[in-house]
Amino acid sequence: MMGFGMGIFGLGALVMIAFWVLVIGGAVWLVMTLARGNQSSIPANPSQALTTASTTLSNSTPLDILKTRYAKGEINKEQFEEMRRALENG
């Protein structure tokens, strides 16, 4: 008689089960955390996001749009000045 209940092999099985529960639980937690983090960049209602963007553009003047394009680096200073003069003369 061993006197330890399950013996050494029983204890090893419990440790192995606990190890795999922790590994699988950690993987599930990681996936859920990453998925929850990505939700902030995804709009809840995509059509509302498009409406908001188009409303912002429709309320902007051509000069505001030109300034935004220059600030984003889409056009250089010479192009900005040329387009600004065309807007003032046009």
N, C-alpha and C. Protein backbone atom coordinates (compact mmCIF):
# COMPACT_ATOMS: atom_id res chain seq x y z
N MET A 1 0.84 -1.17 0.00
CA MET A 1 0.00 0.00 0.00
C MET A 1 0.89 1.24 0.00
N MET A 2 0.48 2.21 -0.81
CA MET A 2 1.29 3.42 -0.97
C MET A 2 1.01 4.42 0.13
N GLY A 3 -0.23 4.57 0.52
CA GLY A 3 -0.54 5.50 1.59
C GLY A 3 -0.75 6.94 1.13
N PHE A 4 -0.59 7.25 -0.15
CA PHE A 4 -0.77 8.60 -0.67
C PHE A 4 -2.04 8.72 -1.52
N GLY A 5 -2.95 7.86 -1.42
CA GLY A 5 -4.19 7.93 -2.19
C GLY A 5 -3.95 7.50 -3.62
N MET A 6 -3.73 8.45 -4.50
CA MET A 6 -3.60 8.16 -5.93
C MET A 6 -2.19 7.73 -6.30
N GLY A 7 -1.25 7.97 -5.52
CA GLY A 7 0.12 7.63 -5.86
C GLY A 7 0.75 8.71 -6.73
N ILE A 8 1.96 8.52 -7.13
CA ILE A 8 2.69 9.52 -7.89
C ILE A 8 2.13 9.74 -9.28
N PHE A 9 1.58 8.70 -9.89
CA PHE A 9 1.04 8.86 -11.24
C PHE A 9 -0.25 9.66 -11.21
N GLY A 10 -1.04 9.53 -10.17
CA GLY A 10 -2.27 10.31 -10.03
C GLY A 10 -1.97 11.79 -9.88
N LEU A 11 -0.96 12.11 -9.13
CA LEU A 11 -0.56 13.50 -8.95
C LEU A 11 -0.04 14.09 -10.26
N GLY A 12 0.70 13.30 -11.00
CA GLY A 12 1.21 13.76 -12.30
C GLY A 12 0.08 14.04 -13.28
N ALA A 13 -0.96 13.21 -13.25
CA ALA A 13 -2.11 13.43 -14.12
C ALA A 13 -2.82 14.73 -13.76
N LEU A 14 -2.96 15.01 -12.47
CA LEU A 14 -3.61 16.26 -12.05
C LEU A 14 -2.79 17.48 -12.46
N VAL A 15 -1.49 17.38 -12.33
CA VAL A 15 -0.62 18.49 -12.75
C VAL A 15 -0.72 18.70 -14.25
N MET A 16 -0.75 17.61 -15.02
CA MET A 16 -0.87 17.72 -16.47
C MET A 16 -2.21 18.35 -16.86
N ILE A 17 -3.27 17.95 -16.23
CA ILE A 17 -4.60 18.53 -16.52
C ILE A 17 -4.61 20.02 -16.17
N ALA A 18 -4.06 20.37 -15.03
CA ALA A 18 -4.01 21.78 -14.62
C ALA A 18 -3.19 22.60 -15.60
N PHE A 19 -2.08 22.04 -16.06
CA PHE A 19 -1.24 22.72 -17.04
C PHE A 19 -2.01 23.02 -18.31
N TRP A 20 -2.71 22.02 -18.87
CA TRP A 20 -3.44 22.22 -20.11
C TRP A 20 -4.63 23.15 -19.93
N VAL A 21 -5.28 23.12 -18.77
CA VAL A 21 -6.36 24.07 -18.50
C VAL A 21 -5.82 25.49 -18.52
N LEU A 22 -4.65 25.69 -17.92
CA LEU A 22 -4.05 27.03 -17.92
C LEU A 22 -3.62 27.45 -19.33
N VAL A 23 -3.04 26.55 -20.11
CA VAL A 23 -2.61 26.88 -21.48
C VAL A 23 -3.81 27.24 -22.35
N ILE A 24 -4.85 26.42 -22.32
CA ILE A 24 -6.03 26.67 -23.14
C ILE A 24 -6.76 27.92 -22.66
N GLY A 25 -6.88 28.09 -21.36
CA GLY A 25 -7.51 29.30 -20.82
C GLY A 25 -6.75 30.56 -21.20
N GLY A 26 -5.42 30.49 -21.17
CA GLY A 26 -4.61 31.64 -21.58
C GLY A 26 -4.78 31.97 -23.04
N ALA A 27 -4.86 30.94 -23.87
CA ALA A 27 -5.05 31.17 -25.32
C ALA A 27 -6.42 31.80 -25.58
N VAL A 28 -7.45 31.31 -24.91
CA VAL A 28 -8.79 31.89 -25.08
C VAL A 28 -8.80 33.35 -24.61
N TRP A 29 -8.18 33.61 -23.47
CA TRP A 29 -8.11 34.99 -22.95
C TRP A 29 -7.38 35.90 -23.94
N LEU A 30 -6.27 35.43 -24.51
CA LEU A 30 -5.50 36.23 -25.46
C LEU A 30 -6.32 36.55 -26.70
N VAL A 31 -6.99 35.55 -27.25
CA VAL A 31 -7.81 35.77 -28.45
C VAL A 31 -8.94 36.75 -28.15
N MET A 32 -9.59 36.60 -27.02
CA MET A 32 -10.69 37.52 -26.68
C MET A 32 -10.19 38.94 -26.44
N THR A 33 -9.03 39.07 -25.83
CA THR A 33 -8.47 40.41 -25.59
C THR A 33 -8.10 41.08 -26.91
N LEU A 34 -7.49 40.34 -27.81
CA LEU A 34 -7.14 40.91 -29.11
C LEU A 34 -8.38 41.26 -29.92
N ALA A 35 -9.39 40.42 -29.88
CA ALA A 35 -10.63 40.70 -30.61
C ALA A 35 -11.34 41.91 -30.03
N ARG A 36 -11.34 42.05 -28.73
CA ARG A 36 -11.97 43.20 -28.09
C ARG A 36 -11.20 44.48 -28.41
N GLY A 37 -9.88 44.39 -28.52
CA GLY A 37 -9.07 45.56 -28.85
C GLY A 37 -9.31 46.04 -30.26
N ASN A 38 -9.58 45.14 -31.20
CA ASN A 38 -9.82 45.51 -32.59
C ASN A 38 -11.20 46.10 -32.80
N GLN A 39 -12.13 45.87 -31.90
CA GLN A 39 -13.48 46.39 -32.07
C GLN A 39 -13.52 47.91 -32.01
N SER A 40 -12.57 48.53 -31.32
CA SER A 40 -12.59 49.98 -31.22
C SER A 40 -12.31 50.65 -32.56
N SER A 41 -11.59 49.97 -33.45
CA SER A 41 -11.29 50.55 -34.75
C SER A 41 -12.34 50.24 -35.80
N ILE A 42 -13.26 49.34 -35.48
CA ILE A 42 -14.31 48.96 -36.42
C ILE A 42 -15.59 49.69 -36.02
N PRO A 43 -16.16 50.50 -36.91
CA PRO A 43 -17.39 51.19 -36.54
C PRO A 43 -18.53 50.22 -36.33
N ALA A 44 -19.39 50.53 -35.35
CA ALA A 44 -20.53 49.66 -35.06
C ALA A 44 -21.49 49.62 -36.23
N ASN A 45 -21.65 50.76 -36.91
CA ASN A 45 -22.56 50.85 -38.04
C ASN A 45 -21.79 51.46 -39.21
N PRO A 46 -21.30 50.65 -40.15
CA PRO A 46 -20.47 51.17 -41.24
C PRO A 46 -21.17 52.25 -42.06
N SER A 47 -22.47 52.16 -42.27
CA SER A 47 -23.15 53.19 -43.06
C SER A 47 -23.15 54.52 -42.33
N GLN A 48 -23.20 54.48 -41.00
CA GLN A 48 -23.14 55.72 -40.22
C GLN A 48 -21.76 56.35 -40.34
N ALA A 49 -20.71 55.54 -40.36
CA ALA A 49 -19.36 56.07 -40.52
C ALA A 49 -19.21 56.75 -41.86
N LEU A 50 -19.76 56.16 -42.92
CA LEU A 50 -19.69 56.78 -44.25
C LEU A 50 -20.49 58.07 -44.29
N THR A 51 -21.64 58.09 -43.64
CA THR A 51 -22.46 59.29 -43.59
C THR A 51 -21.72 60.41 -42.88
N THR A 52 -21.07 60.08 -41.78
CA THR A 52 -20.32 61.08 -41.02
C THR A 52 -19.19 61.65 -41.87
N ALA A 53 -18.47 60.80 -42.58
CA ALA A 53 -17.36 61.26 -43.42
C ALA A 53 -17.87 62.14 -44.55
N SER A 54 -18.96 61.75 -45.20
CA SER A 54 -19.47 62.56 -46.30
C SER A 54 -20.06 63.87 -45.80
N THR A 55 -20.65 63.86 -44.61
CA THR A 55 -21.18 65.11 -44.04
C THR A 55 -20.03 66.06 -43.75
N THR A 56 -18.94 65.54 -43.22
CA THR A 56 -17.78 66.39 -42.93
C THR A 56 -17.24 67.00 -44.21
N LEU A 57 -17.15 66.22 -45.28
CA LEU A 57 -16.66 66.76 -46.54
C LEU A 57 -17.65 67.73 -47.15
N SER A 58 -18.95 67.48 -47.04
CA SER A 58 -19.92 68.36 -47.66
C SER A 58 -20.01 69.70 -46.93
N ASN A 59 -19.64 69.74 -45.65
CA ASN A 59 -19.65 70.99 -44.90
C ASN A 59 -18.34 71.77 -45.05
N SER A 60 -17.35 71.18 -45.69
CA SER A 60 -16.05 71.83 -45.86
C SER A 60 -16.05 72.65 -47.14
N THR A 61 -15.33 73.76 -47.07
CA THR A 61 -15.15 74.59 -48.26
C THR A 61 -14.04 73.96 -49.10
N PRO A 62 -13.97 74.30 -50.38
CA PRO A 62 -12.86 73.78 -51.20
C PRO A 62 -11.49 74.14 -50.63
N LEU A 63 -11.38 75.33 -50.03
CA LEU A 63 -10.10 75.72 -49.44
C LEU A 63 -9.78 74.86 -48.23
N ASP A 64 -10.79 74.49 -47.43
CA ASP A 64 -10.56 73.60 -46.29
C ASP A 64 -10.07 72.23 -46.76
N ILE A 65 -10.67 71.73 -47.82
CA ILE A 65 -10.26 70.44 -48.36
C ILE A 65 -8.83 70.53 -48.89
N LEU A 66 -8.51 71.63 -49.54
CA LEU A 66 -7.15 71.84 -50.07
C LEU A 66 -6.15 71.90 -48.93
N LYS A 67 -6.49 72.60 -47.85
CA LYS A 67 -5.59 72.67 -46.69
C LYS A 67 -5.40 71.30 -46.06
N THR A 68 -6.46 70.52 -46.00
CA THR A 68 -6.36 69.16 -45.45
C THR A 68 -5.45 68.30 -46.30
N ARG A 69 -5.58 68.38 -47.61
CA ARG A 69 -4.74 67.58 -48.51
C ARG A 69 -3.27 67.99 -48.36
N TYR A 70 -3.01 69.29 -48.18
CA TYR A 70 -1.64 69.76 -47.99
C TYR A 70 -1.10 69.27 -46.65
N ALA A 71 -1.93 69.33 -45.61
CA ALA A 71 -1.50 68.88 -44.29
C ALA A 71 -1.20 67.38 -44.28
N LYS A 72 -1.95 66.60 -45.05
CA LYS A 72 -1.72 65.15 -45.12
C LYS A 72 -0.52 64.80 -45.97
N GLY A 73 -0.01 65.76 -46.74
CA GLY A 73 1.13 65.50 -47.61
C GLY A 73 0.74 64.96 -48.97
N GLU A 74 -0.54 65.05 -49.32
CA GLU A 74 -0.98 64.56 -50.62
C GLU A 74 -0.52 65.46 -51.75
N ILE A 75 -0.32 66.74 -51.45
CA ILE A 75 0.17 67.69 -52.44
C ILE A 75 1.32 68.47 -51.81
N ASN A 76 2.21 69.00 -52.66
CA ASN A 76 3.32 69.79 -52.13
C ASN A 76 2.94 71.27 -52.09
N LYS A 77 3.86 72.11 -51.64
CA LYS A 77 3.57 73.53 -51.44
C LYS A 77 3.24 74.23 -52.76
N GLU A 78 3.98 73.90 -53.81
CA GLU A 78 3.73 74.54 -55.10
C GLU A 78 2.33 74.19 -55.62
N GLN A 79 1.96 72.93 -55.51
CA GLN A 79 0.62 72.52 -55.94
C GLN A 79 -0.45 73.20 -55.09
N PHE A 80 -0.19 73.31 -53.79
CA PHE A 80 -1.15 73.97 -52.91
C PHE A 80 -1.35 75.43 -53.33
N GLU A 81 -0.25 76.13 -53.53
CA GLU A 81 -0.35 77.55 -53.90
C GLU A 81 -1.07 77.72 -55.24
N GLU A 82 -0.75 76.87 -56.21
CA GLU A 82 -1.38 76.95 -57.52
C GLU A 82 -2.89 76.70 -57.41
N MET A 83 -3.27 75.69 -56.67
CA MET A 83 -4.70 75.38 -56.51
C MET A 83 -5.42 76.47 -55.70
N ARG A 84 -4.74 77.02 -54.70
CA ARG A 84 -5.35 78.09 -53.91
C ARG A 84 -5.61 79.32 -54.76
N ARG A 85 -4.62 79.68 -55.62
CA ARG A 85 -4.82 80.82 -56.52
C ARG A 85 -5.97 80.53 -57.50
N ALA A 86 -6.06 79.31 -57.99
CA ALA A 86 -7.14 78.96 -58.91
C ALA A 86 -8.50 79.08 -58.22
N LEU A 87 -8.56 78.71 -56.96
CA LEU A 87 -9.83 78.83 -56.21
C LEU A 87 -10.19 80.30 -55.98
N GLU A 88 -9.20 81.12 -55.70
CA GLU A 88 -9.47 82.55 -55.47
C GLU A 88 -9.90 83.25 -56.74
N ASN A 89 -9.34 82.84 -57.89
CA ASN A 89 -9.66 83.48 -59.16
C ASN A 89 -10.89 82.88 -59.82
N GLY A 90 -11.22 81.66 -59.44
CA GLY A 90 -12.25 80.92 -60.15
C GLY A 90 -13.62 81.25 -59.76
